[in-house]
């Protein structure tokens, strides 16, 4: 895995410092600042003419008010998605619209998706009007002509929506009538209880490191898991597979691991990969990263008493892997 790293830390350092302009109730030109973790545009060929994008913010509570205005962070985040959608729609008229994944707390909280068509983005801009352009930094993922994946961190001068003191209520009503589309990995998804007793018996007595196992996995009751468990004095690994007896790559679900005296994994090197610092249950510092080849694997790592703990899920979302890690931390050593 170490041969796959180079780019992510630079991108995270650039993007974490991004800010977006928020409108106060006193003037369309008066502004305050709010942070964005990352805006990512997956600029790939699409059969349905829609483009995918991520809007990730550091805030845990997006319902808090912006300055002295009656706008919430949530309202301003949605406005920013509309601003970017309209700008990109006018810049490149190839696409029907943008499908936004909205994630809070540095990606830990899945807020759902917003499908903003180019027609809706343009009509909304016409209704509210556009103000002074602001610089917005976007990480654009794309394939080169030879098919190899690449990434560019690009700056765009994008006009802001005029949501001033006379339009705050109007915008909040609009946002309320434009609810997110829930993702399958949202908080309402069914959980499968993890086989703690069975797995713990196979690890205890074989390792010297504290054992952290989750209580739940973000799976439905109809999805049957099988396990391979290995343990030694310096750690353990629990490999999880979907389907009884299946060990093919297609059946791999994820892993739960512990390794003594192991450092955090270094930032990713590949264009499609992700790497960011996050906060886990109990204020524990952690790292989320995702590596992508034929499929993507999402990881969460944290360190405790000189032991590196890691949870991974194939094709998993950050919110899913974080829920597994938090479940293990909240349960405590087994």
Protein backbone atom coordinates (compact mmCIF):
# COMPACT_ATOMS: atom_id res chain seq x y z
CA UNK A 1 0.00 0.00 0.00
CA UNK A 2 2.93 2.32 0.70
CA UNK A 3 3.75 2.52 -3.02
CA UNK A 4 0.42 4.19 -3.72
CA UNK A 5 1.02 7.54 -1.96
CA UNK A 6 2.02 11.08 -3.15
CA UNK A 7 -0.71 13.62 -3.79
CA UNK A 8 -3.36 13.53 -1.06
CA UNK A 9 -1.59 15.46 1.71
CA UNK A 10 -0.89 18.40 -0.59
CA UNK A 11 -4.51 18.52 -1.75
CA UNK A 12 -5.88 18.26 1.77
CA UNK A 13 -3.57 21.04 2.94
CA UNK A 14 -4.77 23.28 0.12
CA UNK A 15 -8.44 22.45 0.31
CA UNK A 16 -8.86 22.46 4.10
CA UNK A 17 -8.03 26.15 4.09
CA UNK A 18 -10.78 26.98 1.62
CA UNK A 19 -13.52 29.42 2.58
CA UNK A 20 -16.80 30.33 0.99
CA UNK A 21 -18.61 33.63 1.04
CA UNK A 22 -21.72 33.74 3.22
CA UNK A 23 -24.27 36.50 2.86
CA UNK A 24 -25.36 38.61 5.83
CA UNK A 25 -28.89 39.99 6.17
CA UNK A 26 -27.66 43.57 5.71
CA UNK A 27 -26.21 43.58 2.23
CA UNK A 28 -25.67 41.22 -0.67
CA UNK A 29 -22.05 42.39 -0.66
CA UNK A 30 -21.36 42.05 3.07
CA UNK A 31 -19.71 38.71 3.83
CA UNK A 32 -18.39 36.47 6.55
CA UNK A 33 -16.24 33.36 6.16
CA UNK A 34 -16.97 29.65 6.63
CA UNK A 35 -14.71 26.71 5.95
CA UNK A 36 -15.04 23.94 3.40
CA UNK A 37 -13.05 20.74 3.74
CA UNK A 38 -13.24 19.84 0.06
CA UNK A 39 -15.22 20.33 -3.12
CA UNK A 40 -14.56 17.49 -5.53
CA UNK A 41 -15.90 17.18 -9.09
CA UNK A 42 -15.83 13.75 -10.72
CA UNK A 43 -15.51 14.94 -14.30
CA UNK A 44 -15.93 11.60 -16.08
CA UNK A 45 -17.91 10.53 -19.14
CA UNK A 46 -21.46 9.80 -18.06
CA UNK A 47 -24.17 7.79 -19.84
CA UNK A 48 -26.99 9.74 -18.17
CA UNK A 49 -25.34 13.17 -18.77
CA UNK A 50 -25.11 13.88 -15.03
CA UNK A 51 -21.89 14.71 -13.21
CA UNK A 52 -21.08 13.67 -9.64
CA UNK A 53 -19.62 16.03 -7.06
CA UNK A 54 -18.84 16.08 -3.32
CA UNK A 55 -19.37 18.98 -0.94
CA UNK A 56 -17.59 18.31 2.36
CA UNK A 57 -17.59 20.72 5.32
CA UNK A 58 -15.91 20.55 8.76
CA UNK A 59 -19.04 21.58 10.69
CA UNK A 60 -20.83 19.02 12.84
CA UNK A 61 -23.88 21.23 13.34
CA UNK A 62 -24.98 22.66 9.99
CA UNK A 63 -28.17 24.06 11.58
CA UNK A 64 -26.25 26.83 13.39
CA UNK A 65 -26.88 30.40 12.27
CA UNK A 66 -24.44 32.33 10.13
CA UNK A 67 -23.29 35.43 12.00
CA UNK A 68 -26.26 37.65 12.82
CA UNK A 69 -28.29 36.44 9.87
CA UNK A 70 -31.24 34.08 9.86
CA UNK A 71 -29.44 31.81 7.42
CA UNK A 72 -28.08 28.50 8.65
CA UNK A 73 -24.83 27.00 7.43
CA UNK A 74 -27.03 24.39 5.74
CA UNK A 75 -28.80 27.11 3.72
CA UNK A 76 -25.51 28.63 2.60
CA UNK A 77 -24.02 25.25 1.68
CA UNK A 78 -26.99 24.55 -0.58
CA UNK A 79 -26.62 28.00 -2.13
CA UNK A 80 -22.96 27.25 -2.86
CA UNK A 81 -23.91 24.00 -4.63
CA UNK A 82 -26.37 25.94 -6.80
CA UNK A 83 -23.76 28.62 -7.58
CA UNK A 84 -21.19 26.05 -8.68
CA UNK A 85 -23.75 24.04 -10.66
CA UNK A 86 -24.92 27.09 -12.59
CA UNK A 87 -21.36 28.19 -13.32
CA UNK A 88 -20.24 24.77 -14.56
CA UNK A 89 -23.45 24.30 -16.55
CA UNK A 90 -22.81 27.57 -18.41
CA UNK A 91 -19.11 26.77 -18.78
CA UNK A 92 -19.69 23.33 -20.28
CA UNK A 93 -23.11 22.71 -21.79
CA UNK A 94 -22.53 18.96 -22.17
CA UNK A 95 -24.17 17.92 -18.91
CA UNK A 96 -27.76 17.78 -17.68
CA UNK A 97 -26.78 18.70 -14.13
CA UNK A 98 -24.79 17.84 -11.01
CA UNK A 99 -25.49 15.19 -8.39
CA UNK A 100 -24.03 16.50 -5.11
CA UNK A 101 -23.04 14.32 -2.17
CA UNK A 102 -23.26 16.53 0.95
CA UNK A 103 -21.09 15.47 3.91
CA UNK A 104 -20.55 17.19 7.27
CA UNK A 105 -17.95 16.81 10.04
CA UNK A 106 -15.14 16.32 7.50
CA UNK A 107 -17.13 13.57 5.81
CA UNK A 108 -18.17 11.63 8.93
CA UNK A 109 -21.85 12.62 8.60
CA UNK A 110 -23.70 11.70 5.43
CA UNK A 111 -26.22 14.49 4.76
CA UNK A 112 -27.69 12.92 1.62
CA UNK A 113 -27.54 13.94 -2.05
CA UNK A 114 -28.91 16.87 -4.04
CA UNK A 115 -29.64 16.55 -7.74
CA UNK A 116 -29.38 20.01 -9.27
CA UNK A 117 -30.23 20.17 -12.95
CA UNK A 118 -28.75 22.87 -15.15
CA UNK A 119 -32.23 24.23 -15.82
CA UNK A 120 -32.97 24.51 -12.10
CA UNK A 121 -29.58 26.09 -11.37
CA UNK A 122 -30.11 28.72 -14.09
CA UNK A 123 -33.69 29.52 -13.08
CA UNK A 124 -32.64 29.87 -9.44
CA UNK A 125 -29.86 32.28 -10.42
CA UNK A 126 -32.37 34.29 -12.45
CA UNK A 127 -34.74 34.46 -9.48
CA UNK A 128 -32.19 35.67 -6.91
CA UNK A 129 -29.66 37.37 -9.14
CA UNK A 130 -25.88 37.02 -9.03
CA UNK A 131 -23.43 39.09 -7.02
CA UNK A 132 -19.70 39.65 -7.02
CA UNK A 133 -17.66 36.57 -8.05
CA UNK A 134 -15.65 34.74 -5.40
CA UNK A 135 -12.75 32.35 -5.92
CA UNK A 136 -13.77 28.72 -5.38
CA UNK A 137 -11.20 25.92 -5.39
CA UNK A 138 -12.34 22.55 -6.76
CA UNK A 139 -10.49 19.27 -6.99
CA UNK A 140 -11.42 17.91 -10.42
CA UNK A 141 -10.96 14.19 -11.07
CA UNK A 142 -10.88 13.14 -14.72
CA UNK A 143 -9.43 10.61 -17.16
CA UNK A 144 -6.73 11.62 -19.59
CA UNK A 145 -7.00 10.82 -23.31
CA UNK A 146 -5.05 7.61 -22.72
CA UNK A 147 -7.60 6.58 -20.09
CA UNK A 148 -5.29 7.07 -17.10
CA UNK A 149 -6.88 8.84 -14.11
CA UNK A 150 -5.67 12.31 -13.20
CA UNK A 151 -6.56 15.18 -10.90
CA UNK A 152 -6.29 18.96 -11.02
CA UNK A 153 -6.84 21.49 -8.25
CA UNK A 154 -8.51 24.37 -10.08
CA UNK A 155 -9.64 27.86 -9.09
CA UNK A 156 -12.84 29.29 -10.53
CA UNK A 157 -14.26 32.80 -10.14
CA UNK A 158 -17.93 32.01 -9.42
CA UNK A 159 -20.67 34.62 -8.86
CA UNK A 160 -22.62 34.23 -5.61
CA UNK A 161 -26.38 34.12 -5.23
CA UNK A 162 -27.90 37.37 -3.95
CA UNK A 163 -29.57 36.04 -0.82
CA UNK A 164 -29.72 39.39 0.96
CA UNK A 165 -31.92 40.59 3.84
CA UNK A 166 -35.01 40.74 1.61
CA UNK A 167 -34.56 37.19 0.32
CA UNK A 168 -33.40 35.25 3.38
CA UNK A 169 -36.87 33.94 4.22
CA UNK A 170 -37.57 33.19 0.56
CA UNK A 171 -34.34 31.17 0.29
CA UNK A 172 -34.99 29.22 3.49
CA UNK A 173 -38.45 28.27 2.20
CA UNK A 174 -36.91 27.18 -1.10
CA UNK A 175 -34.32 25.03 0.71
CA UNK A 176 -37.02 23.40 2.86
CA UNK A 177 -38.85 22.41 -0.31
CA UNK A 178 -35.65 20.95 -1.80
CA UNK A 179 -34.87 18.08 0.59
CA UNK A 180 -31.86 15.78 0.15
CA UNK A 181 -32.15 12.31 -1.36
CA UNK A 182 -31.10 9.85 1.41
CA UNK A 183 -28.11 7.65 0.65
CA UNK A 184 -28.23 3.94 1.46
CA UNK A 185 -25.52 4.44 4.06
CA UNK A 186 -27.52 7.02 5.99
CA UNK A 187 -28.25 6.77 9.69
CA UNK A 188 -31.56 4.97 9.08
CA UNK A 189 -29.87 1.97 7.47
CA UNK A 190 -30.36 -1.35 9.26
CA UNK A 191 -27.45 -2.63 11.33
CA UNK A 192 -26.22 -6.21 11.66
CA UNK A 193 -24.85 -7.20 15.06
CA UNK A 194 -21.19 -8.15 14.93
CA UNK A 195 -20.23 -11.62 16.20
CA UNK A 196 -18.25 -10.19 19.13
CA UNK A 197 -18.23 -13.28 21.34
CA UNK A 198 -17.21 -15.67 18.57
CA UNK A 199 -14.45 -13.41 17.19
CA UNK A 200 -13.17 -12.40 20.62
CA UNK A 201 -12.69 -16.04 21.63
CA UNK A 202 -10.51 -16.59 18.55
CA UNK A 203 -8.27 -13.60 19.40
CA UNK A 204 -7.93 -13.55 23.17
CA UNK A 205 -4.99 -15.47 24.56
CA UNK A 206 -3.14 -15.12 21.25
CA UNK A 207 -2.39 -11.39 21.33
CA UNK A 208 -0.96 -8.89 23.80
CA UNK A 209 -2.68 -5.84 22.35
CA UNK A 210 -6.06 -4.55 23.63
CA UNK A 211 -8.85 -5.91 21.43
CA UNK A 212 -11.33 -3.44 19.91
CA UNK A 213 -14.27 -4.95 18.03
CA UNK A 214 -17.43 -3.20 16.81
CA UNK A 215 -20.89 -4.02 18.06
CA UNK A 216 -22.59 -3.40 14.71
CA UNK A 217 -21.92 -3.37 10.98
CA UNK A 218 -23.89 -1.26 8.45
CA UNK A 219 -25.52 -4.23 6.75
CA UNK A 220 -29.05 -5.54 6.39
CA UNK A 221 -30.09 -8.76 8.13
CA UNK A 222 -30.25 -10.56 4.77
CA UNK A 223 -26.51 -10.08 4.12
CA UNK A 224 -24.65 -13.02 5.64
CA UNK A 225 -21.06 -12.52 6.76
CA UNK A 226 -18.25 -15.04 7.11
CA UNK A 227 -14.96 -14.42 8.91
CA UNK A 228 -11.27 -15.37 8.81
CA UNK A 229 -9.43 -14.53 12.03
CA UNK A 230 -5.66 -14.36 12.53
CA UNK A 231 -3.98 -13.26 15.76
CA UNK A 232 -0.43 -12.99 17.11
CA UNK A 233 1.34 -11.31 20.00
CA UNK A 234 1.61 -7.98 18.15
CA UNK A 235 -1.88 -7.76 16.67
CA UNK A 236 -4.78 -9.36 14.87
CA UNK A 237 -6.81 -9.16 11.68
CA UNK A 238 -10.44 -10.09 11.11
CA UNK A 239 -11.25 -10.46 7.41
CA UNK A 240 -14.96 -10.23 6.57
CA UNK A 241 -16.66 -11.79 3.53
CA UNK A 242 -20.18 -11.63 2.16
CA UNK A 243 -21.50 -15.16 1.71
CA UNK A 244 -20.77 -18.33 3.62
CA UNK A 245 -17.51 -19.96 2.51
CA UNK A 246 -16.79 -17.45 -0.27
CA UNK A 247 -13.23 -16.08 -0.29
CA UNK A 248 -13.13 -14.60 -3.80
CA UNK A 249 -12.31 -10.92 -4.19
CA UNK A 250 -15.90 -10.22 -5.19
CA UNK A 251 -17.05 -11.49 -1.77
CA UNK A 252 -14.63 -9.36 0.30
CA UNK A 253 -16.44 -6.91 2.59
CA UNK A 254 -13.69 -5.46 4.77
CA UNK A 255 -11.29 -5.94 7.67
CA UNK A 256 -10.77 -5.08 11.35
CA UNK A 257 -7.10 -4.91 12.29
CA UNK A 258 -4.67 -4.02 15.06
CA UNK A 259 -0.87 -3.72 14.77
CA UNK A 260 1.55 -2.78 17.53
CA UNK A 261 4.14 -0.04 16.85
CA UNK A 262 2.67 0.74 13.43
CA UNK A 263 2.48 4.42 12.29
CA UNK A 264 -0.50 6.03 10.59
CA UNK A 265 -0.61 5.20 6.89
CA UNK A 266 0.98 7.98 4.79
CA UNK A 267 -1.09 10.19 2.47
CA UNK A 268 -2.29 8.74 -0.81
CA UNK A 269 -0.38 9.11 -4.08
CA UNK A 270 -3.02 8.29 -6.66
CA UNK A 271 -5.38 10.84 -8.27
CA UNK A 272 -8.60 9.08 -7.30
CA UNK A 273 -7.60 8.58 -3.68
CA UNK A 274 -8.59 10.56 -0.58
CA UNK A 275 -6.85 11.32 2.70
CA UNK A 276 -8.07 13.49 5.61
CA UNK A 277 -7.88 13.85 9.40
CA UNK A 278 -11.12 13.18 11.28
CA UNK A 279 -12.47 13.01 14.82
CA UNK A 280 -13.89 9.75 16.17
CA UNK A 281 -15.97 8.88 19.24
CA UNK A 282 -14.66 10.31 22.50
CA UNK A 283 -12.59 12.92 20.68
CA UNK A 284 -10.16 10.29 19.38
CA UNK A 285 -8.00 11.62 16.53
CA UNK A 286 -8.27 9.47 13.45
CA UNK A 287 -7.49 9.34 9.75
CA UNK A 288 -9.81 8.49 6.89
CA UNK A 289 -8.42 7.49 3.53
CA UNK A 290 -9.70 5.77 0.41
CA UNK A 291 -7.64 4.01 -2.25
CA UNK A 292 -9.16 3.28 -5.66
CA UNK A 293 -8.18 0.79 -8.34
CA UNK A 294 -10.73 -1.53 -9.93
CA UNK A 295 -12.79 -0.73 -6.83
CA UNK A 296 -12.33 1.61 -3.88
CA UNK A 297 -11.47 0.64 -0.30
CA UNK A 298 -12.28 3.03 2.55
CA UNK A 299 -10.18 2.98 5.74
CA UNK A 300 -10.34 4.54 9.19
CA UNK A 301 -7.28 4.42 11.47
CA UNK A 302 -6.62 5.50 15.05
CA UNK A 303 -3.84 4.90 17.55
CA UNK A 304 -4.11 3.90 21.22
CA UNK A 305 -1.28 2.91 23.59
CA UNK A 306 1.16 2.33 20.75
CA UNK A 307 -1.25 0.21 18.70
CA UNK A 308 -2.62 1.19 15.29
CA UNK A 309 -6.25 0.13 14.79
CA UNK A 310 -7.75 0.03 11.31
CA UNK A 311 -11.20 -0.65 9.85
CA UNK A 312 -11.71 -1.06 6.10
CA UNK A 313 -14.75 -1.57 3.87
CA UNK A 314 -14.68 -2.31 0.13
CA UNK A 315 -16.64 0.32 -1.80
CA UNK A 316 -17.68 1.84 1.53
CA UNK A 317 -18.53 5.44 2.25
CA UNK A 318 -16.69 7.35 4.94
CA UNK A 319 -19.79 7.54 7.14
CA UNK A 320 -20.08 3.72 7.07
CA UNK A 321 -16.49 3.05 8.07
CA UNK A 322 -16.62 5.72 10.78
CA UNK A 323 -19.74 4.12 12.25
CA UNK A 324 -17.91 0.79 12.55
CA UNK A 325 -14.86 2.45 14.15
CA UNK A 326 -17.00 4.48 16.57
CA UNK A 327 -18.91 1.34 17.54
CA UNK A 328 -15.61 -0.32 18.48
CA UNK A 329 -14.37 2.69 20.43
CA UNK A 330 -17.64 3.15 22.30
CA UNK A 331 -17.68 -0.52 23.30
CA UNK A 332 -14.16 -0.29 24.73
CA UNK A 333 -11.56 -3.05 25.00
CA UNK A 334 -13.14 -6.51 24.79
